[in-house]
Protein backbone atom coordinates (compact mmCIF):
# COMPACT_ATOMS: atom_id res chain seq x y z
CA MET A 1 -11.52 1.36 14.03
CA SER A 2 -8.61 -0.69 12.37
CA GLN A 3 -5.15 -1.12 14.32
CA ARG A 4 -2.44 -0.45 11.73
CA MET A 5 0.75 -2.89 12.16
CA THR A 6 3.74 -1.16 12.65
CA MET A 7 6.59 -2.54 10.44
CA GLU A 8 8.23 -3.81 14.00
CA GLU A 9 5.51 -5.78 14.21
CA VAL A 10 5.04 -7.32 10.46
CA LEU A 11 8.43 -8.12 10.63
CA LYS A 12 8.25 -10.34 14.14
CA GLU A 13 4.97 -11.49 13.27
CA TYR A 14 5.65 -12.42 9.54
CA GLY A 15 9.24 -12.33 8.35
CA VAL A 16 10.45 -10.38 5.72
CA PRO A 17 7.87 -9.39 2.93
CA LEU A 18 8.88 -9.88 -0.25
CA VAL A 19 6.92 -6.75 -1.79
CA ARG A 20 5.58 -3.69 -0.09
CA LEU A 21 2.70 -1.61 -2.53
CA ASP A 22 2.19 1.73 -0.67
CA VAL A 23 -1.54 3.32 -1.77
CA HIS A 24 -1.44 7.11 -2.70
CA ALA A 25 -4.34 8.93 -3.62
CA THR A 26 -5.37 12.61 -4.31
CA ARG A 27 -6.98 14.49 -1.83
CA SER A 28 -10.10 15.03 -3.74
CA GLU A 29 -10.41 10.78 -4.06
CA LEU A 30 -9.62 10.76 -0.42
CA LEU A 31 -12.24 13.40 0.35
CA LYS A 32 -14.83 11.61 -1.50
CA LEU A 33 -13.42 8.14 0.12
CA ARG A 34 -13.64 9.55 3.22
CA GLU A 35 -17.28 10.82 2.68
CA GLN A 36 -18.73 7.76 1.53
CA LEU A 37 -17.40 5.88 4.90
CA MET A 38 -18.40 8.27 7.09
CA ALA A 39 -22.29 7.88 5.03
CA ILE A 40 -22.04 4.48 6.30
CA ARG A 41 -21.40 4.95 9.62
CA ASP A 42 -23.94 7.72 9.97
CA VAL A 43 -26.38 5.47 8.66
CA SER A 44 -26.18 2.44 11.02
CA GLY A 45 -26.28 4.50 13.64
CA ALA A 46 -22.73 4.23 14.48
CA LYS A 47 -23.28 -0.06 14.39
CA GLU A 48 -21.30 -0.19 11.01
CA GLN A 49 -17.62 0.92 10.57
CA GLY A 50 -17.37 2.05 7.08
CA TYR A 51 -13.88 0.32 5.40
CA LEU A 52 -13.11 -0.03 1.84
CA ASP A 53 -12.60 -3.82 1.37
CA ILE A 54 -10.50 -5.22 -1.24
CA ASP A 55 -9.94 -9.19 -2.22
CA CYS A 56 -5.77 -8.35 -0.51
CA LYS A 57 -7.33 -7.22 2.68
CA LEU A 58 -6.31 -3.76 2.57
CA TYR A 59 -8.52 -1.73 5.19
CA ILE A 60 -8.63 1.83 4.74
CA ASP A 61 -11.10 3.63 7.14
CA VAL A 62 -11.29 7.35 8.39
CA ASP A 63 -8.76 7.58 10.97
CA ASP A 64 -5.89 6.47 7.54
CA ILE A 65 -7.15 8.94 5.83
CA ASP A 66 -7.35 11.68 8.38
CA GLN A 67 -3.48 11.31 9.11
CA TYR A 68 -2.40 10.69 5.57
CA LEU A 69 -4.22 14.26 4.42
CA SER A 70 -2.77 15.72 8.21
CA GLY A 71 0.75 14.93 6.54
CA ALA A 72 1.53 12.16 9.70
CA ARG A 73 1.57 9.49 7.74
CA ASP A 74 3.19 9.22 4.06
CA THR A 75 0.59 6.29 2.38
CA VAL A 76 -2.59 5.55 3.18
CA GLY A 77 -1.76 2.35 3.63
CA GLU A 78 0.72 -0.35 2.65
CA ILE A 79 0.40 -4.25 0.86
CA TYR A 80 2.92 -6.54 2.10
CA ALA A 81 3.03 -9.98 -0.17
CA PHE A 82 5.28 -12.84 1.54
CA PRO A 83 7.10 -16.06 0.16
CA GLU A 84 3.41 -18.00 1.32
CA ASP A 85 0.97 -15.65 -0.68
CA ILE A 86 2.90 -16.56 -3.93
CA LYS A 87 1.15 -19.14 -5.67
CA SER A 88 2.94 -21.38 -8.56
CA TYR A 89 0.65 -23.17 -11.03
CA ARG A 90 1.44 -26.05 -12.96
CA GLU A 91 -0.27 -27.05 -15.90
């Protein structure tokens, strides 16, 4: 299971982010995703953890979905961007 950092931990370890993107989804979208993630765990005999991996390395696991659906969290996840993440391209 992934361990979500608190905003306090993010600030301490990385500094102030330039932007934070919140991830929201409908109940039906999350239930479908949860079913697929649980299937990964079930098929592997609990040797693999099902999670959604996006290029920016946002991990969403079953616990995140359950807490969001129960109202314990107001987002499924957050994506933070820091100054060192922003690249400038020159021609």
